[in-house]
Amino acid sequence: MPVNFKDPKVIKITVGLIVMLIITISWYTTSFKKNAAEIKAKSDDLERLRVELVEAKRNAAQFSTIKAECQRIFEQYKALESLMPPQRDDPEFLNKIYSSAKNTGVLIRSINLLASTKTDFYISNPYEVQLSGTFSSLGSFLADMVNYSVLTTFSNLQVAAKREGVFSLNSSMTITTYSIPQEEILQPPEALKLEPPPFVPPKYEKGKK
């Protein structure tokens, strides 16, 4: 915390230090041999306080930087979290698949619900989908699914051409949604009650008398 030199208390302390310095100088010149050790100890104490003040300011600056970075990352996390519901919703997602297929002219041949797997703090919910369509309708279907309100990814995409029928290709893929269990949801930085680390002054040995 910066020192406010306009504060009356600070002014009194400063004036007091100046007066003490003048007295010390007079004392030093008249009683050098007798008081040299004590004056050395006082000087060492002042130097120790200066070091502690600099260290405290440095720690406070680091804490503010770390806290700001924590808040920035948390905001990015919340944006991602909004795309990952707390639990798997099969009826809702299946309805989305069939709706997208109907709107884009794709025929769903089969959907197999695969087991969820937990990775780090989130859960992957895969669906194995087989469909028929054209290159154009398949592209439209994938684009529509990507724009779904929850995070959706595609893997194991395979396409095979057809020589007969209305559709020119068959395709299979794994479509995965993601969820975050309630107990895994991160709390905001302010809920963690982040406080600056307590200042521990460096070890310092006073001058020997």
N, C-alpha and C. Protein backbone atom coordinates (compact mmCIF):
# COMPACT_ATOMS: atom_id res chain seq x y z
N MET A 1 0.85 -1.20 0.00
CA MET A 1 0.00 0.00 0.00
C MET A 1 0.88 1.24 0.00
N PRO A 2 0.71 2.19 -0.94
CA PRO A 2 1.57 3.38 -1.00
C PRO A 2 1.41 4.26 0.22
N VAL A 3 2.50 4.92 0.61
CA VAL A 3 2.48 5.81 1.78
C VAL A 3 1.96 7.17 1.36
N ASN A 4 0.99 7.69 2.11
CA ASN A 4 0.43 9.01 1.83
C ASN A 4 1.18 10.04 2.68
N PHE A 5 2.06 10.80 2.02
CA PHE A 5 2.88 11.76 2.76
C PHE A 5 2.10 12.99 3.20
N LYS A 6 0.83 13.11 2.80
CA LYS A 6 0.00 14.21 3.26
C LYS A 6 -0.76 13.85 4.54
N ASP A 7 -0.68 12.59 4.91
CA ASP A 7 -1.34 12.13 6.13
C ASP A 7 -0.64 12.75 7.34
N PRO A 8 -1.39 13.39 8.26
CA PRO A 8 -0.77 14.02 9.45
C PRO A 8 0.09 13.05 10.25
N LYS A 9 -0.32 11.79 10.34
CA LYS A 9 0.46 10.81 11.09
C LYS A 9 1.81 10.58 10.43
N VAL A 10 1.78 10.49 9.10
CA VAL A 10 3.03 10.28 8.37
C VAL A 10 3.95 11.48 8.53
N ILE A 11 3.36 12.68 8.49
CA ILE A 11 4.16 13.91 8.65
C ILE A 11 4.83 13.92 10.03
N LYS A 12 4.08 13.55 11.06
CA LYS A 12 4.65 13.52 12.41
C LYS A 12 5.80 12.53 12.50
N ILE A 13 5.59 11.36 11.90
CA ILE A 13 6.65 10.34 11.94
C ILE A 13 7.88 10.83 11.21
N THR A 14 7.66 11.47 10.05
CA THR A 14 8.79 11.98 9.24
C THR A 14 9.57 13.04 10.01
N VAL A 15 8.84 13.99 10.59
CA VAL A 15 9.50 15.05 11.37
C VAL A 15 10.25 14.43 12.54
N GLY A 16 9.64 13.46 13.19
CA GLY A 16 10.29 12.79 14.31
C GLY A 16 11.58 12.11 13.90
N LEU A 17 11.54 11.46 12.73
CA LEU A 17 12.75 10.80 12.23
C LEU A 17 13.85 11.81 11.95
N ILE A 18 13.47 12.97 11.37
CA ILE A 18 14.46 14.01 11.07
C ILE A 18 15.10 14.52 12.36
N VAL A 19 14.24 14.77 13.37
CA VAL A 19 14.76 15.24 14.65
C VAL A 19 15.70 14.20 15.26
N MET A 20 15.27 12.93 15.19
CA MET A 20 16.12 11.87 15.72
C MET A 20 17.44 11.78 14.97
N LEU A 21 17.38 12.02 13.66
CA LEU A 21 18.59 11.97 12.86
C LEU A 21 19.57 13.07 13.28
N ILE A 22 19.03 14.29 13.53
CA ILE A 22 19.89 15.41 13.96
C ILE A 22 20.52 15.10 15.30
N ILE A 23 19.70 14.59 16.22
CA ILE A 23 20.22 14.26 17.55
C ILE A 23 21.29 13.17 17.44
N THR A 24 21.01 12.19 16.58
CA THR A 24 21.95 11.07 16.42
C THR A 24 23.29 11.55 15.88
N ILE A 25 23.23 12.48 14.92
CA ILE A 25 24.48 13.01 14.35
C ILE A 25 25.30 13.72 15.42
N SER A 26 24.64 14.54 16.25
CA SER A 26 25.36 15.24 17.33
C SER A 26 25.94 14.24 18.32
N TRP A 27 25.15 13.27 18.62
CA TRP A 27 25.58 12.25 19.58
C TRP A 27 26.75 11.46 19.02
N TYR A 28 26.67 11.16 17.72
CA TYR A 28 27.71 10.36 17.08
C TYR A 28 29.07 11.09 17.10
N THR A 29 29.03 12.42 16.89
CA THR A 29 30.28 13.17 16.82
C THR A 29 30.92 13.36 18.19
N THR A 30 30.11 13.36 19.27
CA THR A 30 30.66 13.59 20.62
C THR A 30 30.95 12.30 21.37
N SER A 31 30.26 11.23 21.03
CA SER A 31 30.43 9.98 21.79
C SER A 31 30.62 8.80 20.84
N PHE A 32 31.49 8.95 19.88
CA PHE A 32 31.64 7.95 18.81
C PHE A 32 31.97 6.56 19.36
N LYS A 33 33.04 6.48 20.16
CA LYS A 33 33.49 5.18 20.62
C LYS A 33 32.46 4.49 21.49
N LYS A 34 31.80 5.27 22.35
CA LYS A 34 30.87 4.69 23.31
C LYS A 34 29.60 4.18 22.65
N ASN A 35 29.12 4.88 21.60
CA ASN A 35 27.81 4.57 21.06
C ASN A 35 27.83 4.01 19.62
N ALA A 36 29.01 3.71 19.11
CA ALA A 36 29.12 3.26 17.73
C ALA A 36 28.30 1.99 17.48
N ALA A 37 28.39 1.04 18.39
CA ALA A 37 27.69 -0.24 18.21
C ALA A 37 26.18 -0.04 18.20
N GLU A 38 25.68 0.81 19.10
CA GLU A 38 24.24 1.03 19.18
C GLU A 38 23.71 1.75 17.95
N ILE A 39 24.46 2.72 17.46
CA ILE A 39 24.05 3.45 16.26
C ILE A 39 24.03 2.51 15.05
N LYS A 40 25.00 1.60 15.00
CA LYS A 40 25.05 0.62 13.92
C LYS A 40 23.80 -0.25 13.94
N ALA A 41 23.38 -0.63 15.13
CA ALA A 41 22.18 -1.47 15.26
C ALA A 41 20.94 -0.71 14.78
N LYS A 42 20.86 0.59 15.15
CA LYS A 42 19.73 1.40 14.70
C LYS A 42 19.70 1.52 13.17
N SER A 43 20.85 1.72 12.59
CA SER A 43 20.93 1.82 11.13
C SER A 43 20.49 0.52 10.47
N ASP A 44 20.89 -0.58 11.08
CA ASP A 44 20.50 -1.88 10.54
C ASP A 44 18.98 -2.08 10.62
N ASP A 45 18.39 -1.60 11.71
CA ASP A 45 16.93 -1.72 11.84
C ASP A 45 16.21 -0.92 10.76
N LEU A 46 16.69 0.28 10.50
CA LEU A 46 16.09 1.11 9.46
C LEU A 46 16.21 0.45 8.09
N GLU A 47 17.35 -0.16 7.83
CA GLU A 47 17.55 -0.85 6.56
C GLU A 47 16.62 -2.06 6.43
N ARG A 48 16.43 -2.75 7.54
CA ARG A 48 15.52 -3.90 7.54
C ARG A 48 14.09 -3.47 7.22
N LEU A 49 13.66 -2.37 7.82
CA LEU A 49 12.31 -1.86 7.56
C LEU A 49 12.15 -1.46 6.09
N ARG A 50 13.19 -0.88 5.52
CA ARG A 50 13.12 -0.48 4.12
C ARG A 50 12.96 -1.70 3.21
N VAL A 51 13.72 -2.74 3.52
CA VAL A 51 13.64 -3.98 2.73
C VAL A 51 12.24 -4.59 2.84
N GLU A 52 11.68 -4.59 4.05
CA GLU A 52 10.36 -5.16 4.26
C GLU A 52 9.30 -4.38 3.50
N LEU A 53 9.43 -3.05 3.47
CA LEU A 53 8.46 -2.21 2.77
C LEU A 53 8.50 -2.50 1.27
N VAL A 54 9.69 -2.58 0.72
CA VAL A 54 9.83 -2.88 -0.72
C VAL A 54 9.24 -4.25 -1.04
N GLU A 55 9.52 -5.23 -0.19
CA GLU A 55 9.03 -6.59 -0.41
C GLU A 55 7.51 -6.63 -0.33
N ALA A 56 6.93 -5.91 0.62
CA ALA A 56 5.48 -5.88 0.78
C ALA A 56 4.81 -5.27 -0.45
N LYS A 57 5.38 -4.19 -0.97
CA LYS A 57 4.83 -3.55 -2.17
C LYS A 57 4.90 -4.49 -3.37
N ARG A 58 6.01 -5.21 -3.48
CA ARG A 58 6.19 -6.13 -4.60
C ARG A 58 5.17 -7.27 -4.54
N ASN A 59 4.94 -7.82 -3.35
CA ASN A 59 3.97 -8.89 -3.20
C ASN A 59 2.56 -8.42 -3.51
N ALA A 60 2.23 -7.19 -3.09
CA ALA A 60 0.89 -6.65 -3.35
C ALA A 60 0.66 -6.49 -4.84
N ALA A 61 1.67 -6.04 -5.56
CA ALA A 61 1.55 -5.88 -7.01
C ALA A 61 1.37 -7.23 -7.68
N GLN A 62 2.11 -8.22 -7.25
CA GLN A 62 1.98 -9.56 -7.81
C GLN A 62 0.59 -10.12 -7.55
N PHE A 63 0.07 -9.89 -6.36
CA PHE A 63 -1.25 -10.41 -6.02
C PHE A 63 -2.32 -9.79 -6.91
N SER A 64 -2.25 -8.49 -7.15
CA SER A 64 -3.23 -7.83 -8.01
C SER A 64 -3.18 -8.39 -9.43
N THR A 65 -1.96 -8.63 -9.92
CA THR A 65 -1.81 -9.18 -11.27
C THR A 65 -2.39 -10.58 -11.35
N ILE A 66 -2.09 -11.40 -10.36
CA ILE A 66 -2.60 -12.77 -10.35
C ILE A 66 -4.12 -12.79 -10.24
N LYS A 67 -4.68 -11.91 -9.40
CA LYS A 67 -6.13 -11.86 -9.23
C LYS A 67 -6.83 -11.45 -10.51
N ALA A 68 -6.26 -10.47 -11.22
CA ALA A 68 -6.85 -10.03 -12.49
C ALA A 68 -6.80 -11.15 -13.53
N GLU A 69 -5.69 -11.88 -13.57
CA GLU A 69 -5.55 -12.99 -14.52
C GLU A 69 -6.55 -14.10 -14.18
N CYS A 70 -6.75 -14.34 -12.90
CA CYS A 70 -7.71 -15.34 -12.45
C CYS A 70 -9.13 -14.98 -12.90
N GLN A 71 -9.48 -13.71 -12.79
CA GLN A 71 -10.80 -13.25 -13.21
C GLN A 71 -10.97 -13.39 -14.73
N ARG A 72 -9.93 -13.08 -15.48
CA ARG A 72 -10.00 -13.18 -16.94
C ARG A 72 -10.23 -14.63 -17.38
N ILE A 73 -9.48 -15.55 -16.78
CA ILE A 73 -9.62 -16.96 -17.13
C ILE A 73 -10.99 -17.48 -16.71
N PHE A 74 -11.49 -17.02 -15.56
CA PHE A 74 -12.81 -17.48 -15.10
C PHE A 74 -13.91 -17.04 -16.06
N GLU A 75 -13.80 -15.83 -16.61
CA GLU A 75 -14.80 -15.37 -17.57
C GLU A 75 -14.78 -16.22 -18.83
N GLN A 76 -13.60 -16.62 -19.27
CA GLN A 76 -13.50 -17.51 -20.42
C GLN A 76 -14.11 -18.87 -20.09
N TYR A 77 -13.87 -19.34 -18.88
CA TYR A 77 -14.43 -20.61 -18.44
C TYR A 77 -15.96 -20.56 -18.42
N LYS A 78 -16.53 -19.46 -17.93
CA LYS A 78 -17.99 -19.33 -17.86
C LYS A 78 -18.61 -19.36 -19.25
N ALA A 79 -17.91 -18.75 -20.23
CA ALA A 79 -18.43 -18.78 -21.60
C ALA A 79 -18.49 -20.21 -22.11
N LEU A 80 -17.48 -21.02 -21.78
CA LEU A 80 -17.47 -22.41 -22.19
C LEU A 80 -18.49 -23.22 -21.39
N GLU A 81 -18.59 -22.93 -20.12
CA GLU A 81 -19.52 -23.66 -19.25
C GLU A 81 -20.96 -23.51 -19.72
N SER A 82 -21.30 -22.34 -20.29
CA SER A 82 -22.66 -22.11 -20.76
C SER A 82 -23.04 -23.06 -21.90
N LEU A 83 -22.04 -23.65 -22.56
CA LEU A 83 -22.29 -24.60 -23.64
C LEU A 83 -22.25 -26.05 -23.17
N MET A 84 -22.06 -26.23 -21.86
CA MET A 84 -21.95 -27.58 -21.31
C MET A 84 -22.91 -27.73 -20.14
N PRO A 85 -24.09 -28.32 -20.36
CA PRO A 85 -25.08 -28.46 -19.29
C PRO A 85 -24.58 -29.37 -18.17
N PRO A 86 -25.20 -29.32 -17.00
CA PRO A 86 -24.73 -30.12 -15.87
C PRO A 86 -24.94 -31.62 -16.03
N GLN A 87 -25.81 -32.03 -16.95
CA GLN A 87 -26.02 -33.46 -17.15
C GLN A 87 -26.43 -33.77 -18.58
N ARG A 88 -26.27 -35.00 -18.96
CA ARG A 88 -26.60 -35.46 -20.31
C ARG A 88 -28.12 -35.45 -20.50
N ASP A 89 -28.55 -34.94 -21.66
CA ASP A 89 -29.98 -34.86 -21.96
C ASP A 89 -30.23 -35.56 -23.30
N ASP A 90 -30.40 -36.88 -23.25
CA ASP A 90 -30.57 -37.66 -24.48
C ASP A 90 -31.82 -37.27 -25.27
N PRO A 91 -33.00 -37.17 -24.65
CA PRO A 91 -34.19 -36.82 -25.43
C PRO A 91 -34.05 -35.48 -26.17
N GLU A 92 -33.48 -34.49 -25.50
CA GLU A 92 -33.31 -33.17 -26.11
C GLU A 92 -32.35 -33.24 -27.30
N PHE A 93 -31.23 -33.95 -27.13
CA PHE A 93 -30.24 -34.00 -28.21
C PHE A 93 -30.73 -34.86 -29.37
N LEU A 94 -31.39 -35.95 -29.10
CA LEU A 94 -31.94 -36.78 -30.18
C LEU A 94 -32.96 -35.99 -30.99
N ASN A 95 -33.76 -35.20 -30.30
CA ASN A 95 -34.73 -34.35 -30.99
C ASN A 95 -34.02 -33.36 -31.90
N LYS A 96 -32.88 -32.84 -31.44
CA LYS A 96 -32.09 -31.92 -32.26
C LYS A 96 -31.55 -32.62 -33.50
N ILE A 97 -31.06 -33.84 -33.36
CA ILE A 97 -30.51 -34.59 -34.50
C ILE A 97 -31.59 -34.83 -35.56
N TYR A 98 -32.74 -35.29 -35.13
CA TYR A 98 -33.82 -35.58 -36.09
C TYR A 98 -34.35 -34.29 -36.72
N SER A 99 -34.41 -33.22 -35.94
CA SER A 99 -34.88 -31.95 -36.48
C SER A 99 -33.92 -31.42 -37.54
N SER A 100 -32.60 -31.51 -37.25
CA SER A 100 -31.60 -31.05 -38.22
C SER A 100 -31.63 -31.90 -39.48
N ALA A 101 -31.80 -33.19 -39.31
CA ALA A 101 -31.86 -34.09 -40.47
C ALA A 101 -33.06 -33.74 -41.36
N LYS A 102 -34.19 -33.48 -40.74
CA LYS A 102 -35.39 -33.13 -41.51
C LYS A 102 -35.20 -31.81 -42.25
N ASN A 103 -34.61 -30.84 -41.59
CA ASN A 103 -34.43 -29.51 -42.20
C ASN A 103 -33.39 -29.49 -43.32
N THR A 104 -32.46 -30.43 -43.29
CA THR A 104 -31.38 -30.42 -44.29
C THR A 104 -31.52 -31.53 -45.33
N GLY A 105 -32.57 -32.34 -45.24
CA GLY A 105 -32.78 -33.39 -46.24
C GLY A 105 -31.91 -34.62 -46.06
N VAL A 106 -31.56 -34.92 -44.81
CA VAL A 106 -30.74 -36.09 -44.50
C VAL A 106 -31.63 -37.17 -43.88
N LEU A 107 -31.36 -38.42 -44.21
CA LEU A 107 -32.11 -39.55 -43.64
C LEU A 107 -31.27 -40.20 -42.54
N ILE A 108 -31.80 -40.22 -41.31
CA ILE A 108 -31.12 -40.89 -40.21
C ILE A 108 -31.42 -42.38 -40.29
N ARG A 109 -30.38 -43.20 -40.44
CA ARG A 109 -30.56 -44.64 -40.53
C ARG A 109 -30.48 -45.32 -39.16
N SER A 110 -29.63 -44.81 -38.29
CA SER A 110 -29.54 -45.37 -36.94
C SER A 110 -28.79 -44.41 -36.02
N ILE A 111 -29.11 -44.48 -34.71
CA ILE A 111 -28.41 -43.72 -33.68
C ILE A 111 -28.14 -44.65 -32.51
N ASN A 112 -26.91 -44.73 -32.11
CA ASN A 112 -26.51 -45.59 -31.00
C ASN A 112 -25.95 -44.71 -29.89
N LEU A 113 -26.59 -44.75 -28.72
CA LEU A 113 -26.13 -43.95 -27.58
C LEU A 113 -24.97 -44.68 -26.91
N LEU A 114 -23.79 -44.09 -26.93
CA LEU A 114 -22.62 -44.70 -26.31
C LEU A 114 -22.47 -44.22 -24.87
N ALA A 115 -21.68 -44.96 -24.11
CA ALA A 115 -21.50 -44.63 -22.69
C ALA A 115 -20.72 -43.33 -22.53
N SER A 116 -21.10 -42.57 -21.53
CA SER A 116 -20.40 -41.33 -21.22
C SER A 116 -19.05 -41.65 -20.58
N THR A 117 -18.09 -40.77 -20.81
CA THR A 117 -16.76 -40.94 -20.20
C THR A 117 -16.33 -39.63 -19.58
N LYS A 118 -15.73 -39.71 -18.40
CA LYS A 118 -15.29 -38.50 -17.72
C LYS A 118 -13.83 -38.22 -18.03
N THR A 119 -13.54 -36.98 -18.40
CA THR A 119 -12.18 -36.54 -18.69
C THR A 119 -11.93 -35.24 -17.96
N ASP A 120 -10.96 -35.24 -17.07
CA ASP A 120 -10.68 -34.05 -16.26
C ASP A 120 -11.95 -33.63 -15.52
N PHE A 121 -12.44 -32.39 -15.80
CA PHE A 121 -13.59 -31.89 -15.03
C PHE A 121 -14.90 -32.01 -15.79
N TYR A 122 -14.88 -32.51 -17.02
CA TYR A 122 -16.10 -32.59 -17.81
C TYR A 122 -16.39 -34.03 -18.23
N ILE A 123 -17.59 -34.26 -18.78
CA ILE A 123 -18.03 -35.58 -19.22
C ILE A 123 -18.34 -35.53 -20.71
N SER A 124 -17.84 -36.50 -21.46
CA SER A 124 -18.13 -36.61 -22.89
C SER A 124 -19.30 -37.56 -23.09
N ASN A 125 -20.26 -37.13 -23.93
CA ASN A 125 -21.46 -37.91 -24.18
C ASN A 125 -21.56 -38.22 -25.68
N PRO A 126 -21.05 -39.37 -26.12
CA PRO A 126 -21.01 -39.67 -27.55
C PRO A 126 -22.27 -40.37 -28.08
N TYR A 127 -22.56 -40.08 -29.34
CA TYR A 127 -23.67 -40.71 -30.07
C TYR A 127 -23.13 -41.18 -31.43
N GLU A 128 -23.30 -42.44 -31.72
CA GLU A 128 -22.87 -42.97 -33.01
C GLU A 128 -24.05 -42.87 -33.99
N VAL A 129 -23.84 -42.12 -35.07
CA VAL A 129 -24.94 -41.81 -36.00
C VAL A 129 -24.59 -42.32 -37.40
N GLN A 130 -25.57 -42.94 -38.04
CA GLN A 130 -25.44 -43.37 -39.44
C GLN A 130 -26.56 -42.70 -40.21
N LEU A 131 -26.22 -42.14 -41.37
CA LEU A 131 -27.22 -41.41 -42.14
C LEU A 131 -26.93 -41.53 -43.64
N SER A 132 -27.90 -41.10 -44.44
CA SER A 132 -27.77 -41.06 -45.90
C SER A 132 -28.16 -39.68 -46.38
N GLY A 133 -27.53 -39.23 -47.46
CA GLY A 133 -27.84 -37.92 -48.01
C GLY A 133 -26.99 -37.62 -49.21
N THR A 134 -26.83 -36.37 -49.50
CA THR A 134 -25.92 -35.91 -50.56
C THR A 134 -24.79 -35.14 -49.91
N PHE A 135 -23.76 -34.81 -50.70
CA PHE A 135 -22.66 -34.03 -50.13
C PHE A 135 -23.17 -32.68 -49.61
N SER A 136 -24.09 -32.11 -50.35
CA SER A 136 -24.64 -30.81 -49.94
C SER A 136 -25.46 -30.93 -48.66
N SER A 137 -26.33 -31.94 -48.59
CA SER A 137 -27.17 -32.09 -47.40
C SER A 137 -26.36 -32.50 -46.18
N LEU A 138 -25.31 -33.31 -46.40
CA LEU A 138 -24.45 -33.69 -45.28
C LEU A 138 -23.73 -32.46 -44.71
N GLY A 139 -23.21 -31.61 -45.59
CA GLY A 139 -22.56 -30.39 -45.14
C GLY A 139 -23.51 -29.49 -44.36
N SER A 140 -24.75 -29.38 -44.85
CA SER A 140 -25.76 -28.55 -44.17
C SER A 140 -26.11 -29.14 -42.80
N PHE A 141 -26.19 -30.46 -42.73
CA PHE A 141 -26.50 -31.13 -41.46
C PHE A 141 -25.40 -30.85 -40.42
N LEU A 142 -24.14 -31.02 -40.82
CA LEU A 142 -23.03 -30.77 -39.89
C LEU A 142 -23.00 -29.32 -39.42
N ALA A 143 -23.25 -28.39 -40.35
CA ALA A 143 -23.25 -26.97 -39.99
C ALA A 143 -24.37 -26.67 -39.01
N ASP A 144 -25.53 -27.27 -39.22
CA ASP A 144 -26.67 -27.03 -38.32
C ASP A 144 -26.40 -27.60 -36.93
N MET A 145 -25.75 -28.76 -36.85
CA MET A 145 -25.45 -29.37 -35.56
C MET A 145 -24.41 -28.56 -34.80
N VAL A 146 -23.45 -27.99 -35.53
CA VAL A 146 -22.42 -27.17 -34.88
C VAL A 146 -23.04 -25.96 -34.20
N ASN A 147 -24.11 -25.44 -34.77
CA ASN A 147 -24.78 -24.26 -34.22
C ASN A 147 -25.77 -24.59 -33.11
N TYR A 148 -25.75 -25.82 -32.64
CA TYR A 148 -26.63 -26.23 -31.55
C TYR A 148 -26.24 -25.45 -30.28
N SER A 149 -27.18 -25.35 -29.36
CA SER A 149 -26.97 -24.52 -28.16
C SER A 149 -25.96 -25.10 -27.18
N VAL A 150 -25.56 -26.35 -27.35
CA VAL A 150 -24.53 -26.95 -26.49
C VAL A 150 -23.32 -27.30 -27.35
N LEU A 151 -22.17 -27.41 -26.72
CA LEU A 151 -20.93 -27.72 -27.43
C LEU A 151 -21.04 -29.10 -28.09
N THR A 152 -20.80 -29.16 -29.40
CA THR A 152 -20.93 -30.39 -30.17
C THR A 152 -19.70 -30.57 -31.05
N THR A 153 -19.11 -31.76 -31.03
CA THR A 153 -17.97 -32.06 -31.88
C THR A 153 -18.24 -33.34 -32.66
N PHE A 154 -17.46 -33.52 -33.75
CA PHE A 154 -17.63 -34.68 -34.62
C PHE A 154 -16.30 -35.44 -34.69
N SER A 155 -16.38 -36.75 -34.76
CA SER A 155 -15.19 -37.59 -34.92
C SER A 155 -15.57 -38.86 -35.67
N ASN A 156 -14.56 -39.60 -36.11
CA ASN A 156 -14.78 -40.87 -36.83
C ASN A 156 -15.72 -40.70 -38.03
N LEU A 157 -15.58 -39.58 -38.71
CA LEU A 157 -16.45 -39.31 -39.86
C LEU A 157 -16.04 -40.17 -41.06
N GLN A 158 -16.98 -40.92 -41.59
CA GLN A 158 -16.74 -41.76 -42.76
C GLN A 158 -17.85 -41.53 -43.78
N VAL A 159 -17.45 -41.48 -45.05
CA VAL A 159 -18.40 -41.24 -46.14
C VAL A 159 -18.17 -42.27 -47.24
N ALA A 160 -19.25 -42.86 -47.72
CA ALA A 160 -19.17 -43.84 -48.82
C ALA A 160 -20.21 -43.49 -49.87
N ALA A 161 -19.79 -43.51 -51.14
CA ALA A 161 -20.71 -43.16 -52.23
C ALA A 161 -21.72 -44.28 -52.48
N LYS A 162 -22.93 -43.88 -52.91
CA LYS A 162 -24.00 -44.83 -53.27
C LYS A 162 -24.27 -44.71 -54.77
N ARG A 163 -24.57 -45.83 -55.39
CA ARG A 163 -24.85 -45.82 -56.83
C ARG A 163 -26.35 -45.89 -57.13
N GLU A 164 -27.14 -46.23 -56.12
CA GLU A 164 -28.57 -46.39 -56.33
C GLU A 164 -29.34 -45.58 -55.29
N GLY A 165 -30.59 -45.28 -55.62
CA GLY A 165 -31.46 -44.58 -54.69
C GLY A 165 -31.39 -43.07 -54.80
N VAL A 166 -32.19 -42.42 -53.95
CA VAL A 166 -32.28 -40.96 -53.96
C VAL A 166 -31.00 -40.32 -53.44
N PHE A 167 -30.38 -40.94 -52.45
CA PHE A 167 -29.21 -40.36 -51.81
C PHE A 167 -27.93 -40.85 -52.48
N SER A 168 -26.96 -39.97 -52.56
CA SER A 168 -25.71 -40.29 -53.26
C SER A 168 -24.61 -40.79 -52.33
N LEU A 169 -24.86 -40.78 -51.02
CA LEU A 169 -23.81 -41.25 -50.10
C LEU A 169 -24.41 -41.75 -48.79
N ASN A 170 -23.64 -42.60 -48.13
CA ASN A 170 -23.91 -43.01 -46.77
C ASN A 170 -22.79 -42.47 -45.89
N SER A 171 -23.12 -42.12 -44.68
CA SER A 171 -22.11 -41.56 -43.77
C SER A 171 -22.34 -42.07 -42.36
N SER A 172 -21.23 -42.23 -41.63
CA SER A 172 -21.30 -42.57 -40.20
C SER A 172 -20.35 -41.65 -39.45
N MET A 173 -20.69 -41.37 -38.23
CA MET A 173 -19.87 -40.44 -37.43
C MET A 173 -20.22 -40.58 -35.95
N THR A 174 -19.36 -40.05 -35.15
CA THR A 174 -19.64 -39.95 -33.71
C THR A 174 -19.84 -38.49 -33.37
N ILE A 175 -21.02 -38.17 -32.86
CA ILE A 175 -21.32 -36.80 -32.43
C ILE A 175 -21.26 -36.77 -30.91
N THR A 176 -20.50 -35.84 -30.36
CA THR A 176 -20.30 -35.80 -28.91
C THR A 176 -20.73 -34.47 -28.32
N THR A 177 -21.50 -34.55 -27.28
CA THR A 177 -21.82 -33.36 -26.48
C THR A 177 -21.04 -33.47 -25.16
N TYR A 178 -21.06 -32.38 -24.39
CA TYR A 178 -20.26 -32.35 -23.17
C TYR A 178 -21.10 -31.77 -22.02
N SER A 179 -20.82 -32.26 -20.84
CA SER A 179 -21.52 -31.75 -19.67
C SER A 179 -20.54 -31.60 -18.51
N ILE A 180 -20.89 -30.72 -17.58
CA ILE A 180 -20.07 -30.49 -16.38
C ILE A 180 -20.93 -30.81 -15.15
N PRO A 181 -20.56 -31.81 -14.37
CA PRO A 181 -21.31 -32.10 -13.15
C PRO A 181 -21.35 -30.90 -12.23
N GLN A 182 -22.41 -30.77 -11.48
CA GLN A 182 -22.58 -29.63 -10.60
C GLN A 182 -21.42 -29.48 -9.64
N GLU A 183 -20.91 -30.61 -9.15
CA GLU A 183 -19.82 -30.53 -8.17
C GLU A 183 -18.50 -30.11 -8.79
N GLU A 184 -18.41 -30.12 -10.12
CA GLU A 184 -17.17 -29.75 -10.80
C GLU A 184 -17.17 -28.28 -11.26
N ILE A 185 -18.30 -27.63 -11.14
CA ILE A 185 -18.39 -26.24 -11.61
C ILE A 185 -17.51 -25.35 -10.73
N LEU A 186 -16.67 -24.57 -11.36
CA LEU A 186 -15.76 -23.70 -10.63
C LEU A 186 -16.50 -22.52 -10.01
N GLN A 187 -16.06 -22.12 -8.84
CA GLN A 187 -16.63 -20.96 -8.16
C GLN A 187 -15.91 -19.70 -8.63
N PRO A 188 -16.60 -18.55 -8.61
CA PRO A 188 -15.94 -17.30 -9.01
C PRO A 188 -14.80 -16.96 -8.06
N PRO A 189 -13.81 -16.21 -8.54
CA PRO A 189 -12.66 -15.87 -7.69
C PRO A 189 -13.04 -15.24 -6.35
N GLU A 190 -14.09 -14.39 -6.36
CA GLU A 190 -14.46 -13.73 -5.11
C GLU A 190 -14.99 -14.72 -4.08
N ALA A 191 -15.55 -15.84 -4.56
CA ALA A 191 -16.05 -16.86 -3.63
C ALA A 191 -14.92 -17.61 -2.96
N LEU A 192 -13.74 -17.57 -3.56
CA LEU A 192 -12.58 -18.25 -2.99
C LEU A 192 -11.92 -17.44 -1.88
N LYS A 193 -12.39 -16.19 -1.71
CA LYS A 193 -11.86 -15.30 -0.68
C LYS A 193 -10.34 -15.16 -0.81
N LEU A 194 -9.94 -14.81 -2.02
CA LEU A 194 -8.51 -14.63 -2.27
C LEU A 194 -8.00 -13.42 -1.48
N GLU A 195 -6.95 -13.61 -0.78
CA GLU A 195 -6.33 -12.54 -0.01
C GLU A 195 -4.84 -12.52 -0.31
N PRO A 196 -4.23 -11.34 -0.22
CA PRO A 196 -2.78 -11.29 -0.43
C PRO A 196 -2.08 -12.18 0.58
N PRO A 197 -1.01 -12.84 0.18
CA PRO A 197 -0.28 -13.70 1.12
C PRO A 197 0.28 -12.88 2.26
N PRO A 198 0.28 -13.45 3.48
CA PRO A 198 0.85 -12.71 4.61
C PRO A 198 2.32 -12.43 4.37
N PHE A 199 2.72 -11.23 4.71
CA PHE A 199 4.10 -10.85 4.49
C PHE A 199 4.99 -11.44 5.58
N VAL A 200 5.99 -12.17 5.16
CA VAL A 200 6.96 -12.74 6.09
C VAL A 200 8.28 -12.01 5.86
N PRO A 201 8.69 -11.20 6.79
CA PRO A 201 9.93 -10.43 6.58
C PRO A 201 11.13 -11.35 6.47
N PRO A 202 12.09 -10.97 5.64
CA PRO A 202 13.29 -11.81 5.49
C PRO A 202 14.08 -11.86 6.79
N LYS A 203 14.75 -12.97 7.00
CA LYS A 203 15.55 -13.11 8.20
C LYS A 203 16.68 -12.08 8.18
N TYR A 204 16.85 -11.45 9.27
CA TYR A 204 17.84 -10.37 9.33
C TYR A 204 18.54 -10.41 10.67
N GLU A 205 19.82 -10.40 10.65
CA GLU A 205 20.60 -10.40 11.89
C GLU A 205 21.09 -8.99 12.19
N LYS A 206 20.75 -8.54 13.37
CA LYS A 206 21.21 -7.21 13.77
C LYS A 206 22.72 -7.24 14.00
N GLY A 207 23.29 -6.05 13.87
CA GLY A 207 24.73 -5.94 14.13
C GLY A 207 25.04 -6.28 15.58
N LYS A 208 26.13 -6.99 15.77
CA LYS A 208 26.49 -7.37 17.14
C LYS A 208 27.01 -6.16 17.91
N LYS A 209 26.62 -6.08 19.14
CA LYS A 209 27.13 -4.99 20.00
C LYS A 209 28.56 -5.26 20.42
